[in-house]
PDB file of N, CA and C in Angstrom:
ATOM      1  N   MET A   1      21.330   4.389  -0.698  1.00  0.00           N
ATOM      2  CA  MET A   1      20.043   3.803  -1.006  1.00  0.00           C
ATOM      3  C   MET A   1      18.950   4.839  -0.752  1.00  0.00           C
ATOM      4  N   GLU A   2      18.057   5.005  -1.709  1.00  0.00           N
ATOM      5  CA  GLU A   2      16.979   5.983  -1.578  1.00  0.00           C
ATOM      6  C   GLU A   2      15.854   5.420  -0.713  1.00  0.00           C
ATOM      7  N   PRO A   3      15.138   6.296   0.005  1.00  0.00           N
ATOM      8  CA  PRO A   3      14.030   5.807   0.837  1.00  0.00           C
ATOM      9  C   PRO A   3      12.874   5.318  -0.041  1.00  0.00           C
ATOM     10  N   ASP A   4      12.088   4.398   0.498  1.00  0.00           N
ATOM     11  CA  ASP A   4      10.881   3.929  -0.188  1.00  0.00           C
ATOM     12  C   ASP A   4       9.909   5.098  -0.272  1.00  0.00           C
ATOM     13  N   THR A   5       9.255   5.243  -1.420  1.00  0.00           N
ATOM     14  CA  THR A   5       8.370   6.384  -1.622  1.00  0.00           C
ATOM     15  C   THR A   5       6.918   5.958  -1.770  1.00  0.00           C
ATOM     16  N   CYS A   6       6.061   6.912  -1.574  1.00  0.00           N
ATOM     17  CA  CYS A   6       4.612   6.739  -1.670  1.00  0.00           C
ATOM     18  C   CYS A   6       4.222   6.263  -3.071  1.00  0.00           C
ATOM     19  N   SER A   7       3.218   5.401  -3.130  1.00  0.00           N
ATOM     20  CA  SER A   7       2.723   4.862  -4.402  1.00  0.00           C
ATOM     21  C   SER A   7       1.731   5.783  -5.115  1.00  0.00           C
ATOM     22  N   ALA A   8       1.304   6.866  -4.478  1.00  0.00           N
ATOM     23  CA  ALA A   8       0.360   7.788  -5.116  1.00  0.00           C
ATOM     24  C   ALA A   8       1.020   8.437  -6.331  1.00  0.00           C
ATOM     25  N   LYS A   9       0.247   8.576  -7.389  1.00  0.00           N
ATOM     26  CA  LYS A   9       0.761   9.141  -8.630  1.00  0.00           C
ATOM     27  C   LYS A   9       1.364  10.524  -8.394  1.00  0.00           C
ATOM     28  N   GLY A  10       2.620  10.695  -8.821  1.00  0.00           N
ATOM     29  CA  GLY A  10       3.296  11.978  -8.724  1.00  0.00           C
ATOM     30  C   GLY A  10       3.870  12.298  -7.359  1.00  0.00           C
ATOM     31  N   CYS A  11       3.687  11.442  -6.365  1.00  0.00           N
ATOM     32  CA  CYS A  11       4.184  11.713  -5.019  1.00  0.00           C
ATOM     33  C   CYS A  11       5.563  11.075  -4.846  1.00  0.00           C
ATOM     34  N   SER A  12       6.481  11.831  -4.286  1.00  0.00           N
ATOM     35  CA  SER A  12       7.816  11.293  -4.019  1.00  0.00           C
ATOM     36  C   SER A  12       8.164  11.375  -2.533  1.00  0.00           C
ATOM     37  N   ALA A  13       7.133  11.528  -1.698  1.00  0.00           N
ATOM     38  CA  ALA A  13       7.348  11.601  -0.251  1.00  0.00           C
ATOM     39  C   ALA A  13       7.731  10.218   0.289  1.00  0.00           C
ATOM     40  N   PRO A  14       8.504  10.192   1.366  1.00  0.00           N
ATOM     41  CA  PRO A  14       8.854   8.905   1.976  1.00  0.00           C
ATOM     42  C   PRO A  14       7.604   8.166   2.456  1.00  0.00           C
ATOM     43  N   ALA A  15       7.625   6.859   2.306  1.00  0.00           N
ATOM     44  CA  ALA A  15       6.498   6.023   2.735  1.00  0.00           C
ATOM     45  C   ALA A  15       6.499   5.853   4.244  1.00  0.00           C
ATOM     46  N   SER A  16       5.319   5.950   4.839  1.00  0.00           N
ATOM     47  CA  SER A  16       5.134   5.713   6.270  1.00  0.00           C
ATOM     48  C   SER A  16       4.238   4.510   6.526  1.00  0.00           C
ATOM     49  N   TRP A  17       3.492   4.090   5.500  1.00  0.00           N
ATOM     50  CA  TRP A  17       2.473   3.050   5.663  1.00  0.00           C
ATOM     51  C   TRP A  17       2.538   2.026   4.545  1.00  0.00           C
ATOM     52  N   GLN A  18       2.173   0.791   4.875  1.00  0.00           N
ATOM     53  CA  GLN A  18       1.975  -0.257   3.881  1.00  0.00           C
ATOM     54  C   GLN A  18       0.494  -0.565   3.824  1.00  0.00           C
ATOM     55  N   LEU A  19      -0.083  -0.447   2.651  1.00  0.00           N
ATOM     56  CA  LEU A  19      -1.477  -0.821   2.442  1.00  0.00           C
ATOM     57  C   LEU A  19      -1.452  -2.205   1.806  1.00  0.00           C
ATOM     58  N   GLN A  20      -1.852  -3.199   2.564  1.00  0.00           N
ATOM     59  CA  GLN A  20      -1.811  -4.577   2.101  1.00  0.00           C
ATOM     60  C   GLN A  20      -3.168  -4.936   1.521  1.00  0.00           C
ATOM     61  N   TRP A  21      -3.160  -5.469   0.310  1.00  0.00           N
ATOM     62  CA  TRP A  21      -4.404  -5.710  -0.400  1.00  0.00           C
ATOM     63  C   TRP A  21      -4.292  -6.934  -1.292  1.00  0.00           C
ATOM     64  N   ASN A  22      -5.424  -7.393  -1.768  1.00  0.00           N
ATOM     65  CA  ASN A  22      -5.445  -8.372  -2.846  1.00  0.00           C
ATOM     66  C   ASN A  22      -6.760  -8.263  -3.606  1.00  0.00           C
ATOM     67  N   ASN A  23      -6.718  -8.694  -4.826  1.00  0.00           N
ATOM     68  CA  ASN A  23      -7.912  -8.758  -5.668  1.00  0.00           C
ATOM     69  C   ASN A  23      -8.379 -10.207  -5.631  1.00  0.00           C
ATOM     70  N   PRO A  24      -9.499 -10.489  -4.967  1.00  0.00           N
ATOM     71  CA  PRO A  24      -9.931 -11.885  -4.821  1.00  0.00           C
ATOM     72  C   PRO A  24     -10.216 -12.596  -6.143  1.00  0.00           C
ATOM     73  N   LYS A  25     -10.421 -11.852  -7.212  1.00  0.00           N
ATOM     74  CA  LYS A  25     -10.631 -12.488  -8.517  1.00  0.00           C
ATOM     75  C   LYS A  25      -9.314 -12.977  -9.121  1.00  0.00           C
ATOM     76  N   LEU A  26      -8.187 -12.408  -8.656  1.00  0.00           N
ATOM     77  CA  LEU A  26      -6.884 -12.748  -9.219  1.00  0.00           C
ATOM     78  C   LEU A  26      -5.949 -13.456  -8.253  1.00  0.00           C
ATOM     79  N   HIS A  27      -6.087 -13.209  -6.952  1.00  0.00           N
ATOM     80  CA  HIS A  27      -5.125 -13.690  -5.963  1.00  0.00           C
ATOM     81  C   HIS A  27      -5.764 -14.666  -4.978  1.00  0.00           C
ATOM     82  N   THR A  28      -4.957 -15.574  -4.464  1.00  0.00           N
ATOM     83  CA  THR A  28      -5.424 -16.464  -3.406  1.00  0.00           C
ATOM     84  C   THR A  28      -5.650 -15.620  -2.153  1.00  0.00           C
ATOM     85  N   PRO A  29      -6.510 -16.073  -1.230  1.00  0.00           N
ATOM     86  CA  PRO A  29      -6.837 -15.267  -0.047  1.00  0.00           C
ATOM     87  C   PRO A  29      -5.630 -14.875   0.803  1.00  0.00           C
ATOM     88  N   ASP A  30      -4.581 -15.675   0.822  1.00  0.00           N
ATOM     89  CA  ASP A  30      -3.418 -15.360   1.656  1.00  0.00           C
ATOM     90  C   ASP A  30      -2.409 -14.442   0.966  1.00  0.00           C
ATOM     91  N   ARG A  31      -2.569 -14.193  -0.323  1.00  0.00           N
ATOM     92  CA  ARG A  31      -1.647 -13.336  -1.073  1.00  0.00           C
ATOM     93  C   ARG A  31      -1.872 -11.879  -0.688  1.00  0.00           C
ATOM     94  N   ARG A  32      -0.795 -11.129  -0.480  1.00  0.00           N
ATOM     95  CA  ARG A  32      -0.887  -9.699  -0.177  1.00  0.00           C
ATOM     96  C   ARG A  32       0.003  -8.911  -1.125  1.00  0.00           C
ATOM     97  N   LYS A  33      -0.614  -8.001  -1.845  1.00  0.00           N
ATOM     98  CA  LYS A  33       0.113  -7.006  -2.625  1.00  0.00           C
ATOM     99  C   LYS A  33       0.295  -5.810  -1.695  1.00  0.00           C
ATOM    100  N   VAL A  34       1.267  -4.952  -1.975  1.00  0.00           N
ATOM    101  CA  VAL A  34       1.544  -3.824  -1.080  1.00  0.00           C
ATOM    102  C   VAL A  34       1.678  -2.543  -1.885  1.00  0.00           C
ATOM    103  N   TRP A  35       0.931  -1.536  -1.463  1.00  0.00           N
ATOM    104  CA  TRP A  35       1.150  -0.164  -1.909  1.00  0.00           C
ATOM    105  C   TRP A  35       1.733   0.576  -0.720  1.00  0.00           C
ATOM    106  N   LEU A  36       2.671   1.455  -0.988  1.00  0.00           N
ATOM    107  CA  LEU A  36       3.243   2.286   0.064  1.00  0.00           C
ATOM    108  C   LEU A  36       2.542   3.641   0.053  1.00  0.00           C
ATOM    109  N   ALA A  37       2.397   4.229   1.230  1.00  0.00           N
ATOM    110  CA  ALA A  37       1.711   5.521   1.325  1.00  0.00           C
ATOM    111  C   ALA A  37       2.427   6.435   2.312  1.00  0.00           C
ATOM    112  N   CYS A  38       2.438   7.720   1.978  1.00  0.00           N
ATOM    113  CA  CYS A  38       2.885   8.735   2.929  1.00  0.00           C
ATOM    114  C   CYS A  38       1.676   9.089   3.814  1.00  0.00           C
ATOM    115  N   ASP A  39       1.900   9.909   4.822  1.00  0.00           N
ATOM    116  CA  ASP A  39       0.798  10.283   5.714  1.00  0.00           C
ATOM    117  C   ASP A  39      -0.319  11.015   4.958  1.00  0.00           C
ATOM    118  N   VAL A  40       0.040  11.822   3.973  1.00  0.00           N
ATOM    119  CA  VAL A  40      -0.947  12.601   3.221  1.00  0.00           C
ATOM    120  C   VAL A  40      -1.860  11.711   2.370  1.00  0.00           C
ATOM    121  N   HIS A  41      -1.300  10.671   1.752  1.00  0.00           N
ATOM    122  CA  HIS A  41      -2.067   9.840   0.820  1.00  0.00           C
ATOM    123  C   HIS A  41      -2.601   8.540   1.427  1.00  0.00           C
ATOM    124  N   ARG A  42      -2.344   8.317   2.697  1.00  0.00           N
ATOM    125  CA  ARG A  42      -2.819   7.073   3.324  1.00  0.00           C
ATOM    126  C   ARG A  42      -4.329   6.902   3.161  1.00  0.00           C
ATOM    127  N   SER A  43      -5.097   7.918   3.461  1.00  0.00           N
ATOM    128  CA  SER A  43      -6.556   7.776   3.426  1.00  0.00           C
ATOM    129  C   SER A  43      -7.090   7.658   2.000  1.00  0.00           C
ATOM    130  N   THR A  44      -6.549   8.430   1.057  1.00  0.00           N
ATOM    131  CA  THR A  44      -7.084   8.350  -0.313  1.00  0.00           C
ATOM    132  C   THR A  44      -6.765   7.006  -0.957  1.00  0.00           C
ATOM    133  N   LEU A  45      -5.551   6.490  -0.740  1.00  0.00           N
ATOM    134  CA  LEU A  45      -5.219   5.177  -1.293  1.00  0.00           C
ATOM    135  C   LEU A  45      -6.023   4.078  -0.592  1.00  0.00           C
ATOM    136  N   SER A  46      -6.204   4.209   0.721  1.00  0.00           N
ATOM    137  CA  SER A  46      -7.017   3.240   1.472  1.00  0.00           C
ATOM    138  C   SER A  46      -8.463   3.260   0.985  1.00  0.00           C
ATOM    139  N   ASP A  47      -9.005   4.450   0.775  1.00  0.00           N
ATOM    140  CA  ASP A  47     -10.387   4.579   0.285  1.00  0.00           C
ATOM    141  C   ASP A  47     -10.543   3.936  -1.092  1.00  0.00           C
ATOM    142  N   PHE A  48      -9.562   4.150  -1.973  1.00  0.00           N
ATOM    143  CA  PHE A  48      -9.599   3.582  -3.319  1.00  0.00           C
ATOM    144  C   PHE A  48      -9.647   2.060  -3.254  1.00  0.00           C
ATOM    145  N   LEU A  49      -8.752   1.467  -2.472  1.00  0.00           N
ATOM    146  CA  LEU A  49      -8.723   0.007  -2.354  1.00  0.00           C
ATOM    147  C   LEU A  49      -9.950  -0.511  -1.607  1.00  0.00           C
ATOM    148  N   GLY A  50     -10.355   0.201  -0.566  1.00  0.00           N
ATOM    149  CA  GLY A  50     -11.508  -0.221   0.228  1.00  0.00           C
ATOM    150  C   GLY A  50     -12.801  -0.223  -0.560  1.00  0.00           C
ATOM    151  N   ALA A  51     -12.986   0.766  -1.431  1.00  0.00           N
ATOM    152  CA  ALA A  51     -14.204   0.851  -2.239  1.00  0.00           C
ATOM    153  C   ALA A  51     -14.348  -0.347  -3.170  1.00  0.00           C
ATOM    154  N   ARG A  52     -13.239  -0.969  -3.504  1.00  0.00           N
ATOM    155  CA  ARG A  52     -13.249  -2.130  -4.392  1.00  0.00           C
ATOM    156  C   ARG A  52     -13.234  -3.454  -3.616  1.00  0.00           C
ATOM    157  N   GLY A  53     -13.164  -3.360  -2.283  1.00  0.00           N
ATOM    158  CA  GLY A  53     -13.122  -4.557  -1.452  1.00  0.00           C
ATOM    159  C   GLY A  53     -11.765  -5.235  -1.451  1.00  0.00           C
ATOM    160  N   PHE A  54     -10.712  -4.493  -1.828  1.00  0.00           N
ATOM    161  CA  PHE A  54      -9.375  -5.076  -1.937  1.00  0.00           C
ATOM    162  C   PHE A  54      -8.532  -4.888  -0.673  1.00  0.00           C
ATOM    163  N   LEU A  55      -8.775  -3.850   0.097  1.00  0.00           N
ATOM    164  CA  LEU A  55      -7.915  -3.518   1.240  1.00  0.00           C
ATOM    165  C   LEU A  55      -8.051  -4.564   2.335  1.00  0.00           C
ATOM    166  N   LYS A  56      -6.925  -5.094   2.789  1.00  0.00           N
ATOM    167  CA  LYS A  56      -6.911  -6.107   3.845  1.00  0.00           C
ATOM    168  C   LYS A  56      -6.346  -5.565   5.150  1.00  0.00           C
ATOM    169  N   ASP A  57      -5.312  -4.703   5.074  1.00  0.00           N
ATOM    170  CA  ASP A  57      -4.681  -4.210   6.291  1.00  0.00           C
ATOM    171  C   ASP A  57      -3.846  -2.976   5.971  1.00  0.00           C
ATOM    172  N   VAL A  58      -3.679  -2.117   6.971  1.00  0.00           N
ATOM    173  CA  VAL A  58      -2.783  -0.960   6.882  1.00  0.00           C
ATOM    174  C   VAL A  58      -1.853  -1.041   8.085  1.00  0.00           C
ATOM    175  N   VAL A  59      -0.549  -1.116   7.806  1.00  0.00           N
ATOM    176  CA  VAL A  59       0.441  -1.257   8.873  1.00  0.00           C
ATOM    177  C   VAL A  59       1.565  -0.246   8.655  1.00  0.00           C
ATOM    178  N   PRO A  60       2.267   0.137   9.721  1.00  0.00           N
ATOM    179  CA  PRO A  60       3.407   1.034   9.556  1.00  0.00           C
ATOM    180  C   PRO A  60       4.449   0.407   8.627  1.00  0.00           C
ATOM    181  N   HIS A  61       5.071   1.238   7.820  1.00  0.00           N
ATOM    182  CA  HIS A  61       6.097   0.767   6.883  1.00  0.00           C
ATOM    183  C   HIS A  61       7.452   0.738   7.566  1.00  0.00           C
ATOM    184  N   GLU A  62       8.111  -0.388   7.484  1.00  0.00           N
ATOM    185  CA  GLU A  62       9.480  -0.538   7.948  1.00  0.00           C
ATOM    186  C   GLU A  62      10.370  -0.595   6.715  1.00  0.00           C
ATOM    187  N   PRO A  63      11.336   0.323   6.588  1.00  0.00           N
ATOM    188  CA  PRO A  63      12.204   0.312   5.405  1.00  0.00           C
ATOM    189  C   PRO A  63      12.875  -1.038   5.223  1.00  0.00           C
ATOM    190  N   GLY A  64      13.063  -1.396   3.967  1.00  0.00           N
ATOM    191  CA  GLY A  64      13.679  -2.674   3.619  1.00  0.00           C
ATOM    192  C   GLY A  64      12.935  -3.275   2.464  1.00  0.00           C
ATOM    193  N   PRO A  65      13.193  -4.550   2.161  1.00  0.00           N
ATOM    194  CA  PRO A  65      12.498  -5.187   1.047  1.00  0.00           C
ATOM    195  C   PRO A  65      10.997  -5.193   1.272  1.00  0.00           C
ATOM    196  N   THR A  66      10.253  -4.803   0.242  1.00  0.00           N
ATOM    197  CA  THR A  66       8.792  -4.759   0.302  1.00  0.00           C
ATOM    198  C   THR A  66       8.233  -5.871  -0.558  1.00  0.00           C
ATOM    199  N   PRO A  67       7.339  -6.716  -0.006  1.00  0.00           N
ATOM    200  CA  PRO A  67       6.738  -7.759  -0.843  1.00  0.00           C
ATOM    201  C   PRO A  67       5.876  -7.145  -1.939  1.00  0.00           C
ATOM    202  N   THR A  68       5.708  -7.860  -3.041  1.00  0.00           N
ATOM    203  CA  THR A  68       4.881  -7.346  -4.140  1.00  0.00           C
ATOM    204  C   THR A  68       3.596  -8.054  -4.230  1.00  0.00           C
TER     205      THR A  68
END
């Protein structure tokens, strides 16, 4: 089984973080979508989601099934 990888475009580094987010125009408040991030892309992906008001939480990534 291959390790979970970062969601940044073109990045194939192993994921270390889960960026939990939702779009309030599309999702109920309790719904969480997840982007995975490596240490290098954690801040840029967080900034992207945060600028849109979508970022809800950033937590360490535990390998295994990832919610969508």
